[in-house]
């Protein structure tokens, strides 16, 4: 196995006097879908945000493909490591204008191909983003993230507000991206979704990583069930 995509060493984060992450040691593989799973408040979303430099650990170190994250330009890093959040946030304007906030020189034909990639019809290109359904808006946000040509995709509870059809489409797209060589890190508290998607599992509980390994490991199921049994207090 090659070097990790992300290497975390003794990573801690304190926010408003509360310890959100506690001495996390973790190597995330450079390929496939890594699912971070845990109950609400377990630290998985904060951990993901640290990988995109939206949060800065108060202790420890994070490396991206061998480079110290603090030595990298945050905006350039976020173009390489795109992130999609739970609540879709299209910008005002048309769908095309949304895509061009990420890629200003994007031609209409390329924009249409991006839409089709995420399961949106090309006829939506010049529609107002405000007129999209929740599922369409989330797919637009994903298309906007992909418009920069990222190396890695981070998804934080990206399907939690979507119906079953839209969820299935985003899961299939995540698998397609991973199969094409783009590592995907996916945060969820849904055990069934973790089972469907994960090549590698990271289990969080109360700000700690309690288990990490291949999804097919016999110990994985018990580790996930233990983490989801009770939310941290």
Protein backbone atom coordinates (compact mmCIF):
# COMPACT_ATOMS: atom_id res chain seq x y z
CA UNK A 1 0.00 0.00 0.00
CA UNK A 2 1.30 3.49 -0.91
CA UNK A 3 1.51 6.54 1.33
CA UNK A 4 -1.76 7.79 2.85
CA UNK A 5 -3.94 10.48 1.33
CA UNK A 6 -4.15 12.20 4.71
CA UNK A 7 -2.00 11.42 7.74
CA UNK A 8 -3.18 12.77 11.10
CA UNK A 9 -0.94 12.64 14.14
CA UNK A 10 -2.22 13.48 17.63
CA UNK A 11 -4.78 15.91 16.19
CA UNK A 12 -6.84 17.75 18.77
CA UNK A 13 -9.28 20.62 18.48
CA UNK A 14 -10.77 22.73 21.26
CA UNK A 15 -13.71 24.98 20.43
CA UNK A 16 -15.17 27.39 22.99
CA UNK A 17 -13.52 25.44 25.77
CA UNK A 18 -14.89 22.09 24.58
CA UNK A 19 -12.59 19.34 23.34
CA UNK A 20 -14.09 18.39 19.97
CA UNK A 21 -11.26 16.16 18.72
CA UNK A 22 -8.97 14.20 21.03
CA UNK A 23 -5.48 13.06 20.00
CA UNK A 24 -6.59 11.57 16.68
CA UNK A 25 -4.03 9.34 14.94
CA UNK A 26 -5.29 8.28 11.53
CA UNK A 27 -4.08 7.36 8.05
CA UNK A 28 -6.68 7.71 5.29
CA UNK A 29 -5.96 5.58 2.20
CA UNK A 30 -5.33 7.28 -1.13
CA UNK A 31 -8.14 5.64 -3.06
CA UNK A 32 -11.68 4.28 -2.88
CA UNK A 33 -14.40 5.53 -0.54
CA UNK A 34 -13.53 6.12 3.09
CA UNK A 35 -16.66 6.48 5.22
CA UNK A 36 -16.46 8.33 8.53
CA UNK A 37 -19.31 7.06 10.65
CA UNK A 38 -20.51 7.93 14.13
CA UNK A 39 -23.37 9.42 16.09
CA UNK A 40 -24.24 13.11 15.89
CA UNK A 41 -21.67 15.14 17.79
CA UNK A 42 -18.99 12.45 17.55
CA UNK A 43 -16.52 14.73 15.74
CA UNK A 44 -16.67 13.26 12.26
CA UNK A 45 -17.72 16.49 10.51
CA UNK A 46 -15.11 18.50 12.39
CA UNK A 47 -12.50 15.97 11.38
CA UNK A 48 -13.54 16.32 7.74
CA UNK A 49 -13.39 20.12 7.94
CA UNK A 50 -9.83 19.90 9.24
CA UNK A 51 -8.87 18.09 6.04
CA UNK A 52 -10.16 21.02 3.97
CA UNK A 53 -8.65 23.69 6.26
CA UNK A 54 -12.09 24.98 7.21
CA UNK A 55 -11.06 24.17 10.78
CA UNK A 56 -7.55 24.37 12.21
CA UNK A 57 -6.50 21.81 14.83
CA UNK A 58 -5.23 23.27 18.08
CA UNK A 59 -2.69 20.46 18.40
CA UNK A 60 -1.09 17.78 16.28
CA UNK A 61 -0.42 17.71 12.55
CA UNK A 62 -2.23 16.89 9.31
CA UNK A 63 -0.42 15.95 6.11
CA UNK A 64 -1.91 15.76 2.62
CA UNK A 65 0.03 13.40 0.38
CA UNK A 66 3.09 14.06 2.50
CA UNK A 67 2.79 17.85 2.71
CA UNK A 68 2.06 19.64 5.99
CA UNK A 69 -1.39 21.17 5.56
CA UNK A 70 -0.36 24.40 7.30
CA UNK A 71 2.28 24.98 4.60
CA UNK A 72 -0.31 24.87 1.79
CA UNK A 73 -2.32 27.82 0.51
CA UNK A 74 -5.87 27.26 1.85
CA UNK A 75 -7.70 28.36 -1.31
CA UNK A 76 -5.47 26.32 -3.61
CA UNK A 77 -5.90 23.33 -1.30
CA UNK A 78 -9.69 23.63 -1.41
CA UNK A 79 -9.60 23.50 -5.19
CA UNK A 80 -7.69 20.22 -4.94
CA UNK A 81 -9.85 18.90 -2.09
CA UNK A 82 -13.47 19.85 -2.82
CA UNK A 83 -16.19 19.63 -0.18
CA UNK A 84 -19.97 19.24 -0.31
CA UNK A 85 -22.05 19.96 2.77
CA UNK A 86 -25.33 18.74 4.25
CA UNK A 87 -27.33 21.84 3.28
CA UNK A 88 -26.98 22.76 -0.41
CA UNK A 89 -25.98 26.39 -0.91
CA UNK A 90 -26.43 27.48 -4.53
CA UNK A 91 -25.43 31.07 -5.22
CA UNK A 92 -27.94 33.60 -6.61
CA UNK A 93 -28.26 33.45 -10.37
CA UNK A 94 -28.62 30.71 -12.94
CA UNK A 95 -27.26 27.19 -12.81
CA UNK A 96 -24.63 28.17 -15.39
CA UNK A 97 -23.57 31.17 -13.30
CA UNK A 98 -23.21 28.90 -10.29
CA UNK A 99 -20.88 26.58 -12.18
CA UNK A 100 -18.82 29.53 -13.42
CA UNK A 101 -18.16 30.77 -9.91
CA UNK A 102 -15.88 27.73 -9.70
CA UNK A 103 -14.69 27.70 -13.32
CA UNK A 104 -15.13 31.15 -14.91
CA UNK A 105 -14.18 30.01 -18.43
CA UNK A 106 -16.47 26.98 -18.45
CA UNK A 107 -18.13 26.59 -21.85
CA UNK A 108 -21.82 25.71 -22.09
CA UNK A 109 -21.07 22.27 -23.53
CA UNK A 110 -18.73 21.47 -20.64
CA UNK A 111 -21.28 22.82 -18.17
CA UNK A 112 -23.93 20.53 -19.66
CA UNK A 113 -21.61 17.55 -19.35
CA UNK A 114 -21.10 18.38 -15.67
CA UNK A 115 -24.85 18.56 -15.14
CA UNK A 116 -25.37 15.21 -16.83
CA UNK A 117 -22.59 13.74 -14.71
CA UNK A 118 -24.50 14.55 -11.53
CA UNK A 119 -27.89 13.54 -12.95
CA UNK A 120 -29.28 16.94 -13.93
CA UNK A 121 -30.79 17.65 -17.35
CA UNK A 122 -28.95 20.11 -19.58
CA UNK A 123 -32.20 22.11 -19.92
CA UNK A 124 -31.59 23.36 -16.36
CA UNK A 125 -28.44 25.25 -17.40
CA UNK A 126 -30.10 28.66 -17.67
CA UNK A 127 -32.71 28.15 -14.97
CA UNK A 128 -32.51 30.13 -11.73
CA UNK A 129 -30.79 28.10 -9.02
CA UNK A 130 -33.50 29.30 -6.63
CA UNK A 131 -36.07 27.27 -8.61
CA UNK A 132 -34.33 23.93 -8.02
CA UNK A 133 -35.63 21.27 -5.66
CA UNK A 134 -33.51 20.25 -2.68
CA UNK A 135 -32.13 17.23 -4.50
CA UNK A 136 -31.38 19.25 -7.64
CA UNK A 137 -29.68 21.96 -5.58
CA UNK A 138 -27.44 19.40 -3.88
CA UNK A 139 -26.46 17.94 -7.25
CA UNK A 140 -25.73 21.44 -8.57
CA UNK A 141 -23.45 22.09 -5.60
CA UNK A 142 -21.67 18.81 -6.34
CA UNK A 143 -21.30 19.77 -10.02
CA UNK A 144 -19.88 23.12 -8.92
CA UNK A 145 -17.36 21.33 -6.72
CA UNK A 146 -16.35 19.04 -9.59
CA UNK A 147 -15.97 22.00 -11.97
CA UNK A 148 -12.59 22.85 -10.43
CA UNK A 149 -11.21 19.43 -11.35
CA UNK A 150 -10.47 18.38 -7.75
CA UNK A 151 -8.23 15.48 -6.77
CA UNK A 152 -10.36 14.51 -3.75
CA UNK A 153 -14.04 14.86 -2.79
CA UNK A 154 -15.21 15.34 0.80
CA UNK A 155 -18.95 14.85 1.45
CA UNK A 156 -20.41 15.82 4.83
CA UNK A 157 -23.84 14.17 5.31
CA UNK A 158 -24.47 15.11 1.67
CA UNK A 159 -27.61 12.97 1.31
CA UNK A 160 -29.24 13.40 4.72
CA UNK A 161 -31.90 15.80 3.40
CA UNK A 162 -32.53 13.97 0.11
CA UNK A 163 -35.15 11.44 -0.91
CA UNK A 164 -34.23 7.84 -1.71
CA UNK A 165 -33.87 8.41 -5.46
CA UNK A 166 -31.57 11.42 -5.12
CA UNK A 167 -29.59 9.63 -2.42
CA UNK A 168 -29.06 6.61 -4.63
CA UNK A 169 -27.88 8.79 -7.50
CA UNK A 170 -25.30 10.59 -5.34
CA UNK A 171 -24.07 7.29 -3.92
CA UNK A 172 -23.67 5.90 -7.43
CA UNK A 173 -21.78 9.02 -8.47
CA UNK A 174 -19.45 8.73 -5.47
CA UNK A 175 -18.70 5.15 -6.45
CA UNK A 176 -18.10 6.17 -10.06
CA UNK A 177 -15.67 8.91 -9.02
CA UNK A 178 -13.80 6.54 -6.72
CA UNK A 179 -13.60 3.89 -9.43
CA UNK A 180 -12.11 6.50 -11.77
CA UNK A 181 -9.35 7.27 -9.26
CA UNK A 182 -10.72 10.14 -7.16
CA UNK A 183 -10.62 9.33 -3.42
CA UNK A 184 -13.93 10.12 -1.70
CA UNK A 185 -14.35 10.77 2.04
CA UNK A 186 -17.98 10.44 3.08
CA UNK A 187 -19.42 11.37 6.48
CA UNK A 188 -22.63 9.68 7.62
CA UNK A 189 -24.48 8.52 10.71
CA UNK A 190 -26.46 6.04 8.60
CA UNK A 191 -25.22 2.48 9.11
CA UNK A 192 -26.97 1.17 5.98
CA UNK A 193 -25.33 3.85 3.86
CA UNK A 194 -21.94 3.10 5.38
CA UNK A 195 -22.40 -0.55 4.44
CA UNK A 196 -23.32 0.34 0.87
CA UNK A 197 -20.46 2.73 0.25
CA UNK A 198 -17.42 2.02 2.36
CA UNK A 199 -14.19 0.50 1.14
CA UNK A 200 -12.56 1.74 4.33
CA UNK A 201 -14.25 2.72 7.59
CA UNK A 202 -13.32 5.28 10.23
CA UNK A 203 -15.45 5.13 13.37
CA UNK A 204 -15.69 8.19 15.64
CA UNK A 205 -17.08 8.54 19.13
CA UNK A 206 -16.88 11.53 21.48
CA UNK A 207 -14.13 13.17 19.44
CA UNK A 208 -11.97 10.08 19.17
CA UNK A 209 -11.32 7.59 16.39
CA UNK A 210 -12.26 4.29 17.99
CA UNK A 211 -11.71 2.04 14.97
CA UNK A 212 -10.28 2.29 11.46
CA UNK A 213 -9.78 -0.37 8.83
CA UNK A 214 -11.14 -2.11 5.74
CA UNK A 215 -14.92 -2.23 5.58
CA UNK A 216 -14.77 -6.00 5.14
CA UNK A 217 -12.93 -6.55 8.40
CA UNK A 218 -15.06 -8.75 10.73
CA UNK A 219 -14.53 -6.22 13.54
CA UNK A 220 -15.98 -3.33 11.54
CA UNK A 221 -19.67 -4.06 12.16
CA UNK A 222 -19.30 -4.23 15.93
CA UNK A 223 -17.22 -1.05 16.04
CA UNK A 224 -19.83 0.87 14.08
CA UNK A 225 -22.73 -0.46 16.14
CA UNK A 226 -20.96 0.49 19.37
CA UNK A 227 -20.39 4.03 18.11
CA UNK A 228 -23.99 4.49 16.98
CA UNK A 229 -25.61 2.90 20.01
CA UNK A 230 -25.54 6.07 22.05
CA UNK A 231 -24.71 9.64 21.13
CA UNK A 232 -22.02 11.22 23.31
CA UNK A 233 -23.14 13.37 26.20
